[in-house]
Amino acid sequence: MTGSITLTMIKPYAVQNGYTGPILAKINEAGFRIIAMKYLQMTLQQAKDFYKVHEGQNFYPRLVEFMSSGPVVAAILEKKNAVQDYRKLIGATDPLKAEEGTLRKLFGASIEKNAVHGSDSDENANVEADFFFSKLERFQLMD
């Protein structure tokens, strides 16, 4: 169902600093259901493939290097208007500009180390979810 899922990744900085549990708790408190989740470390090539949409941007090399520098937690979140609601929950890319109480404000350190990734559109949510999860790894889609 379009609009009912989004993908998040808890980034290496947040995982390494022990923020995985608190971030997942905030996600649950905001009414999202986790329908797939895994803990992994992307290779440099996998990070390049995932962030291919940003290829050519000046931040791309640093982004893919950072995202392959340590473990991440990838998850598919389910909720009506999932992408829009999750974008509100995570806040602005720059934690210094993010609203109080957002995940990036609470757990991010910088634009690069902003704690979490969130899909930016329904279309990208489906593409990103397919990048990490087969259909067999997804549970209880919305009614």
N, C-alpha and C. Protein backbone atom coordinates (compact mmCIF):
# COMPACT_ATOMS: atom_id res chain seq x y z
N MET A 1 0.85 -1.18 0.00
CA MET A 1 0.00 0.00 0.00
C MET A 1 0.89 1.24 0.00
N THR A 2 0.74 2.10 -1.00
CA THR A 2 1.53 3.31 -1.08
C THR A 2 1.21 4.21 0.09
N GLY A 3 2.25 4.79 0.65
CA GLY A 3 2.06 5.72 1.76
C GLY A 3 2.07 5.07 3.12
N SER A 4 2.16 3.75 3.18
CA SER A 4 2.09 3.09 4.48
C SER A 4 3.44 2.65 5.03
N ILE A 5 4.52 2.77 4.24
CA ILE A 5 5.84 2.37 4.75
C ILE A 5 6.87 3.46 4.48
N THR A 6 7.91 3.41 5.28
CA THR A 6 9.11 4.21 5.04
C THR A 6 10.29 3.38 5.52
N LEU A 7 11.46 3.74 5.04
CA LEU A 7 12.66 3.04 5.49
C LEU A 7 13.46 3.97 6.37
N THR A 8 13.98 3.43 7.44
CA THR A 8 14.92 4.17 8.26
C THR A 8 16.20 3.37 8.38
N MET A 9 17.28 4.09 8.58
CA MET A 9 18.55 3.48 8.96
C MET A 9 19.07 4.27 10.15
N ILE A 10 19.39 3.55 11.20
CA ILE A 10 20.12 4.18 12.30
C ILE A 10 21.58 4.11 11.89
N LYS A 11 22.18 5.29 11.74
CA LYS A 11 23.50 5.41 11.12
C LYS A 11 24.62 5.00 12.07
N PRO A 12 25.83 4.74 11.51
CA PRO A 12 26.94 4.24 12.32
C PRO A 12 27.23 5.07 13.58
N TYR A 13 27.19 6.38 13.48
CA TYR A 13 27.45 7.22 14.65
C TYR A 13 26.48 6.90 15.79
N ALA A 14 25.20 6.81 15.46
CA ALA A 14 24.19 6.55 16.49
C ALA A 14 24.29 5.14 17.04
N VAL A 15 24.57 4.17 16.18
CA VAL A 15 24.73 2.79 16.65
C VAL A 15 25.94 2.71 17.59
N GLN A 16 27.06 3.28 17.18
CA GLN A 16 28.29 3.22 17.97
C GLN A 16 28.16 3.93 19.31
N ASN A 17 27.27 4.90 19.40
CA ASN A 17 27.10 5.66 20.64
C ASN A 17 25.95 5.15 21.50
N GLY A 18 25.40 3.98 21.16
CA GLY A 18 24.39 3.35 21.99
C GLY A 18 23.00 3.95 21.89
N TYR A 19 22.69 4.62 20.77
CA TYR A 19 21.39 5.27 20.62
C TYR A 19 20.33 4.40 19.95
N THR A 20 20.67 3.19 19.58
CA THR A 20 19.71 2.34 18.86
C THR A 20 18.44 2.13 19.67
N GLY A 21 18.55 1.72 20.89
CA GLY A 21 17.37 1.48 21.74
C GLY A 21 16.51 2.72 21.92
N PRO A 22 17.10 3.84 22.33
CA PRO A 22 16.29 5.05 22.48
C PRO A 22 15.63 5.52 21.18
N ILE A 23 16.32 5.38 20.06
CA ILE A 23 15.72 5.77 18.77
C ILE A 23 14.54 4.86 18.45
N LEU A 24 14.72 3.55 18.61
CA LEU A 24 13.62 2.62 18.34
C LEU A 24 12.43 2.89 19.27
N ALA A 25 12.71 3.25 20.51
CA ALA A 25 11.62 3.57 21.45
C ALA A 25 10.84 4.79 20.97
N LYS A 26 11.53 5.82 20.51
CA LYS A 26 10.87 7.03 20.00
C LYS A 26 10.03 6.70 18.76
N ILE A 27 10.55 5.83 17.91
CA ILE A 27 9.81 5.41 16.72
C ILE A 27 8.52 4.72 17.13
N ASN A 28 8.59 3.82 18.09
CA ASN A 28 7.39 3.13 18.57
C ASN A 28 6.42 4.10 19.23
N GLU A 29 6.93 5.01 20.04
CA GLU A 29 6.08 6.00 20.72
C GLU A 29 5.34 6.88 19.73
N ALA A 30 5.92 7.08 18.55
CA ALA A 30 5.30 7.92 17.52
C ALA A 30 4.26 7.15 16.70
N GLY A 31 4.01 5.90 17.05
CA GLY A 31 2.95 5.14 16.41
C GLY A 31 3.37 4.31 15.21
N PHE A 32 4.66 4.18 14.96
CA PHE A 32 5.14 3.35 13.85
C PHE A 32 5.25 1.90 14.33
N ARG A 33 4.98 0.98 13.41
CA ARG A 33 5.22 -0.44 13.66
C ARG A 33 6.43 -0.85 12.83
N ILE A 34 7.32 -1.58 13.44
CA ILE A 34 8.50 -2.09 12.73
C ILE A 34 8.09 -3.41 12.11
N ILE A 35 8.12 -3.46 10.76
CA ILE A 35 7.68 -4.68 10.08
C ILE A 35 8.85 -5.47 9.51
N ALA A 36 10.05 -4.91 9.56
CA ALA A 36 11.28 -5.61 9.16
C ALA A 36 12.44 -4.84 9.77
N MET A 37 13.45 -5.58 10.22
CA MET A 37 14.61 -4.91 10.80
C MET A 37 15.82 -5.83 10.72
N LYS A 38 16.99 -5.21 10.47
CA LYS A 38 18.23 -5.98 10.49
C LYS A 38 19.39 -5.07 10.86
N TYR A 39 20.40 -5.72 11.40
CA TYR A 39 21.63 -5.08 11.85
C TYR A 39 22.71 -5.55 10.90
N LEU A 40 23.40 -4.62 10.24
CA LEU A 40 24.41 -5.01 9.26
C LEU A 40 25.43 -3.90 9.08
N GLN A 41 26.50 -4.23 8.40
CA GLN A 41 27.47 -3.22 7.99
C GLN A 41 27.54 -3.26 6.46
N MET A 42 27.21 -2.13 5.85
CA MET A 42 27.26 -2.06 4.39
C MET A 42 28.71 -1.98 3.93
N THR A 43 28.96 -2.61 2.80
CA THR A 43 30.24 -2.42 2.14
C THR A 43 30.23 -1.04 1.49
N LEU A 44 31.40 -0.57 1.08
CA LEU A 44 31.48 0.71 0.38
C LEU A 44 30.61 0.66 -0.89
N GLN A 45 30.65 -0.45 -1.62
CA GLN A 45 29.85 -0.55 -2.84
C GLN A 45 28.35 -0.53 -2.54
N GLN A 46 27.94 -1.20 -1.48
CA GLN A 46 26.52 -1.17 -1.12
C GLN A 46 26.08 0.24 -0.75
N ALA A 47 26.92 0.97 -0.02
CA ALA A 47 26.59 2.36 0.32
C ALA A 47 26.51 3.21 -0.94
N LYS A 48 27.42 3.00 -1.87
CA LYS A 48 27.37 3.73 -3.14
C LYS A 48 26.09 3.42 -3.89
N ASP A 49 25.70 2.16 -3.92
CA ASP A 49 24.47 1.76 -4.61
C ASP A 49 23.24 2.37 -3.94
N PHE A 50 23.20 2.33 -2.61
CA PHE A 50 22.04 2.85 -1.89
C PHE A 50 21.88 4.35 -2.10
N TYR A 51 22.99 5.08 -2.05
CA TYR A 51 22.95 6.54 -2.18
C TYR A 51 23.26 7.04 -3.59
N LYS A 52 23.07 6.17 -4.58
CA LYS A 52 23.37 6.52 -5.98
C LYS A 52 22.67 7.80 -6.42
N VAL A 53 21.51 8.08 -5.89
CA VAL A 53 20.77 9.29 -6.24
C VAL A 53 21.58 10.56 -5.95
N HIS A 54 22.51 10.48 -5.02
CA HIS A 54 23.34 11.63 -4.65
C HIS A 54 24.69 11.66 -5.34
N GLU A 55 24.96 10.66 -6.19
CA GLU A 55 26.25 10.60 -6.88
C GLU A 55 26.48 11.91 -7.64
N GLY A 56 27.70 12.43 -7.53
CA GLY A 56 28.04 13.69 -8.18
C GLY A 56 27.94 14.89 -7.25
N GLN A 57 27.22 14.73 -6.13
CA GLN A 57 27.15 15.81 -5.14
C GLN A 57 28.47 15.85 -4.36
N ASN A 58 28.84 17.03 -3.89
CA ASN A 58 30.13 17.15 -3.19
C ASN A 58 30.19 16.34 -1.90
N PHE A 59 29.05 16.06 -1.28
CA PHE A 59 29.04 15.30 -0.02
C PHE A 59 29.02 13.79 -0.24
N TYR A 60 28.79 13.33 -1.46
CA TYR A 60 28.61 11.91 -1.75
C TYR A 60 29.79 11.04 -1.28
N PRO A 61 31.04 11.38 -1.61
CA PRO A 61 32.14 10.50 -1.16
C PRO A 61 32.21 10.37 0.37
N ARG A 62 32.01 11.46 1.09
CA ARG A 62 32.03 11.40 2.57
C ARG A 62 30.85 10.59 3.10
N LEU A 63 29.70 10.76 2.46
CA LEU A 63 28.50 10.04 2.88
C LEU A 63 28.67 8.54 2.77
N VAL A 64 29.12 8.06 1.61
CA VAL A 64 29.24 6.61 1.42
C VAL A 64 30.37 6.03 2.29
N GLU A 65 31.42 6.80 2.48
CA GLU A 65 32.50 6.36 3.38
C GLU A 65 31.98 6.22 4.81
N PHE A 66 31.25 7.23 5.27
CA PHE A 66 30.69 7.20 6.62
C PHE A 66 29.69 6.06 6.78
N MET A 67 28.80 5.89 5.81
CA MET A 67 27.75 4.88 5.94
C MET A 67 28.29 3.46 5.88
N SER A 68 29.49 3.29 5.38
CA SER A 68 30.11 1.95 5.36
C SER A 68 31.16 1.80 6.46
N SER A 69 31.26 2.79 7.35
CA SER A 69 32.31 2.79 8.37
C SER A 69 31.97 1.97 9.61
N GLY A 70 30.74 1.56 9.75
CA GLY A 70 30.33 0.80 10.92
C GLY A 70 28.93 0.25 10.73
N PRO A 71 28.44 -0.49 11.72
CA PRO A 71 27.13 -1.10 11.58
C PRO A 71 26.00 -0.07 11.57
N VAL A 72 24.92 -0.46 10.89
CA VAL A 72 23.68 0.30 10.86
C VAL A 72 22.53 -0.63 11.23
N VAL A 73 21.42 -0.04 11.60
CA VAL A 73 20.19 -0.79 11.79
C VAL A 73 19.21 -0.27 10.75
N ALA A 74 18.82 -1.14 9.83
CA ALA A 74 17.85 -0.79 8.79
C ALA A 74 16.50 -1.36 9.19
N ALA A 75 15.44 -0.58 8.98
CA ALA A 75 14.11 -1.05 9.35
C ALA A 75 13.05 -0.45 8.42
N ILE A 76 12.04 -1.25 8.16
CA ILE A 76 10.86 -0.75 7.46
C ILE A 76 9.84 -0.41 8.54
N LEU A 77 9.35 0.81 8.48
CA LEU A 77 8.36 1.29 9.43
C LEU A 77 7.02 1.41 8.74
N GLU A 78 5.97 1.05 9.45
CA GLU A 78 4.63 1.07 8.88
C GLU A 78 3.74 2.01 9.68
N LYS A 79 2.99 2.83 8.94
CA LYS A 79 2.03 3.76 9.53
C LYS A 79 1.37 4.48 8.36
N LYS A 80 0.14 4.92 8.51
CA LYS A 80 -0.46 5.74 7.46
C LYS A 80 0.37 7.02 7.34
N ASN A 81 0.58 7.47 6.10
CA ASN A 81 1.42 8.65 5.83
C ASN A 81 2.82 8.50 6.43
N ALA A 82 3.37 7.31 6.29
CA ALA A 82 4.63 6.97 6.95
C ALA A 82 5.77 7.91 6.59
N VAL A 83 5.95 8.20 5.32
CA VAL A 83 7.09 9.04 4.91
C VAL A 83 6.98 10.42 5.54
N GLN A 84 5.83 11.06 5.39
CA GLN A 84 5.66 12.41 5.91
C GLN A 84 5.79 12.44 7.43
N ASP A 85 5.14 11.50 8.11
CA ASP A 85 5.20 11.48 9.57
C ASP A 85 6.61 11.19 10.07
N TYR A 86 7.34 10.31 9.38
CA TYR A 86 8.70 10.01 9.83
C TYR A 86 9.63 11.18 9.56
N ARG A 87 9.44 11.88 8.45
CA ARG A 87 10.27 13.06 8.17
C ARG A 87 10.09 14.10 9.28
N LYS A 88 8.87 14.25 9.79
CA LYS A 88 8.63 15.17 10.91
C LYS A 88 9.34 14.68 12.16
N LEU A 89 9.29 13.38 12.40
CA LEU A 89 9.92 12.81 13.60
C LEU A 89 11.44 12.95 13.57
N ILE A 90 12.06 12.80 12.41
CA ILE A 90 13.52 12.85 12.37
C ILE A 90 14.06 14.27 12.38
N GLY A 91 13.34 15.23 11.82
CA GLY A 91 13.78 16.62 11.83
C GLY A 91 14.76 16.94 10.71
N ALA A 92 15.24 18.16 10.72
CA ALA A 92 16.15 18.67 9.69
C ALA A 92 17.46 17.89 9.68
N THR A 93 18.07 17.83 8.50
CA THR A 93 19.33 17.10 8.33
C THR A 93 20.40 17.61 9.30
N ASP A 94 20.46 18.91 9.49
CA ASP A 94 21.42 19.52 10.41
C ASP A 94 20.82 19.50 11.82
N PRO A 95 21.38 18.73 12.74
CA PRO A 95 20.83 18.65 14.09
C PRO A 95 20.73 20.02 14.78
N LEU A 96 21.59 20.95 14.40
CA LEU A 96 21.54 22.29 15.01
C LEU A 96 20.31 23.06 14.56
N LYS A 97 19.74 22.68 13.41
CA LYS A 97 18.55 23.35 12.88
C LYS A 97 17.28 22.53 13.09
N ALA A 98 17.42 21.32 13.60
CA ALA A 98 16.27 20.45 13.81
C ALA A 98 15.45 20.92 15.01
N GLU A 99 14.15 20.69 14.93
CA GLU A 99 13.26 21.07 16.03
C GLU A 99 13.55 20.22 17.26
N GLU A 100 13.29 20.82 18.43
CA GLU A 100 13.44 20.11 19.70
C GLU A 100 12.60 18.84 19.67
N GLY A 101 13.15 17.77 20.22
CA GLY A 101 12.44 16.51 20.33
C GLY A 101 12.55 15.61 19.12
N THR A 102 13.10 16.11 18.00
CA THR A 102 13.26 15.25 16.83
C THR A 102 14.45 14.33 17.04
N LEU A 103 14.46 13.24 16.29
CA LEU A 103 15.54 12.27 16.44
C LEU A 103 16.91 12.86 16.15
N ARG A 104 16.99 13.68 15.12
CA ARG A 104 18.28 14.26 14.77
C ARG A 104 18.73 15.28 15.80
N LYS A 105 17.80 16.01 16.39
CA LYS A 105 18.15 16.96 17.45
C LYS A 105 18.64 16.21 18.69
N LEU A 106 17.94 15.15 19.04
CA LEU A 106 18.26 14.39 20.25
C LEU A 106 19.54 13.55 20.11
N PHE A 107 19.76 12.97 18.92
CA PHE A 107 20.81 11.96 18.80
C PHE A 107 21.87 12.26 17.74
N GLY A 108 21.72 13.32 16.97
CA GLY A 108 22.69 13.64 15.92
C GLY A 108 23.80 14.55 16.43
N ALA A 109 24.94 14.51 15.74
CA ALA A 109 26.08 15.33 16.12
C ALA A 109 26.41 16.39 15.08
N SER A 110 26.07 16.13 13.82
CA SER A 110 26.41 17.04 12.73
C SER A 110 25.56 16.68 11.52
N ILE A 111 25.69 17.46 10.45
CA ILE A 111 24.96 17.13 9.23
C ILE A 111 25.32 15.73 8.77
N GLU A 112 26.59 15.39 8.79
CA GLU A 112 27.02 14.06 8.36
C GLU A 112 26.61 12.98 9.36
N LYS A 113 26.78 13.26 10.63
CA LYS A 113 26.46 12.29 11.68
C LYS A 113 25.10 12.64 12.29
N ASN A 114 24.06 12.60 11.43
CA ASN A 114 22.74 13.06 11.85
C ASN A 114 21.84 11.96 12.40
N ALA A 115 22.40 10.87 12.78
CA ALA A 115 21.76 9.77 13.52
C ALA A 115 20.91 8.83 12.68
N VAL A 116 20.03 9.35 11.81
CA VAL A 116 19.11 8.46 11.10
C VAL A 116 18.88 8.90 9.66
N HIS A 117 18.59 7.93 8.83
CA HIS A 117 18.14 8.15 7.46
C HIS A 117 16.63 7.94 7.44
N GLY A 118 15.95 8.69 6.61
CA GLY A 118 14.52 8.47 6.38
C GLY A 118 14.20 8.68 4.92
N SER A 119 13.37 7.83 4.36
CA SER A 119 12.97 7.97 2.96
C SER A 119 12.35 9.34 2.73
N ASP A 120 12.55 9.89 1.52
CA ASP A 120 12.03 11.23 1.22
C ASP A 120 10.78 11.22 0.36
N SER A 121 10.33 10.05 -0.07
CA SER A 121 9.10 9.95 -0.87
C SER A 121 8.57 8.53 -0.77
N ASP A 122 7.29 8.37 -1.11
CA ASP A 122 6.70 7.02 -1.10
C ASP A 122 7.42 6.11 -2.09
N GLU A 123 7.76 6.65 -3.26
CA GLU A 123 8.46 5.86 -4.27
C GLU A 123 9.82 5.40 -3.74
N ASN A 124 10.59 6.33 -3.16
CA ASN A 124 11.90 5.96 -2.62
C ASN A 124 11.78 5.02 -1.43
N ALA A 125 10.73 5.15 -0.65
CA ALA A 125 10.54 4.23 0.49
C ALA A 125 10.46 2.79 -0.01
N ASN A 126 9.73 2.58 -1.09
CA ASN A 126 9.61 1.22 -1.64
C ASN A 126 10.93 0.74 -2.23
N VAL A 127 11.63 1.61 -2.96
CA VAL A 127 12.93 1.24 -3.54
C VAL A 127 13.92 0.92 -2.42
N GLU A 128 13.96 1.77 -1.40
CA GLU A 128 14.91 1.56 -0.30
C GLU A 128 14.57 0.32 0.51
N ALA A 129 13.29 0.08 0.74
CA ALA A 129 12.88 -1.13 1.46
C ALA A 129 13.30 -2.37 0.69
N ASP A 130 13.13 -2.34 -0.63
CA ASP A 130 13.54 -3.47 -1.47
C ASP A 130 15.06 -3.66 -1.48
N PHE A 131 15.81 -2.61 -1.26
CA PHE A 131 17.27 -2.70 -1.22
C PHE A 131 17.72 -3.60 -0.07
N PHE A 132 17.06 -3.48 1.06
CA PHE A 132 17.48 -4.21 2.26
C PHE A 132 16.69 -5.47 2.56
N PHE A 133 15.43 -5.54 2.12
CA PHE A 133 14.55 -6.61 2.58
C PHE A 133 13.80 -7.30 1.45
N SER A 134 13.81 -8.63 1.48
CA SER A 134 12.96 -9.40 0.56
C SER A 134 11.53 -9.34 1.10
N LYS A 135 10.59 -9.75 0.29
CA LYS A 135 9.18 -9.79 0.74
C LYS A 135 9.01 -10.77 1.90
N LEU A 136 9.82 -11.82 1.93
CA LEU A 136 9.72 -12.82 3.01
C LEU A 136 10.18 -12.27 4.35
N GLU A 137 10.95 -11.19 4.34
CA GLU A 137 11.46 -10.62 5.59
C GLU A 137 10.56 -9.53 6.17
N ARG A 138 9.41 -9.32 5.57
CA ARG A 138 8.48 -8.28 6.00
C ARG A 138 7.27 -8.93 6.68
N PHE A 139 6.80 -8.30 7.73
CA PHE A 139 5.73 -8.89 8.53
C PHE A 139 4.55 -7.96 8.69
N GLN A 140 3.36 -8.52 8.66
CA GLN A 140 2.10 -7.86 8.98
C GLN A 140 1.94 -6.49 8.34
N LEU A 141 1.73 -6.47 7.05
CA LEU A 141 1.43 -5.20 6.38
C LEU A 141 0.08 -4.69 6.85
N MET A 142 -0.11 -3.37 6.72
CA MET A 142 -1.36 -2.74 7.19
C MET A 142 -2.58 -3.37 6.54
N ASP A 143 -3.64 -3.39 7.29
CA ASP A 143 -4.92 -3.94 6.81
C ASP A 143 -5.55 -3.02 5.79
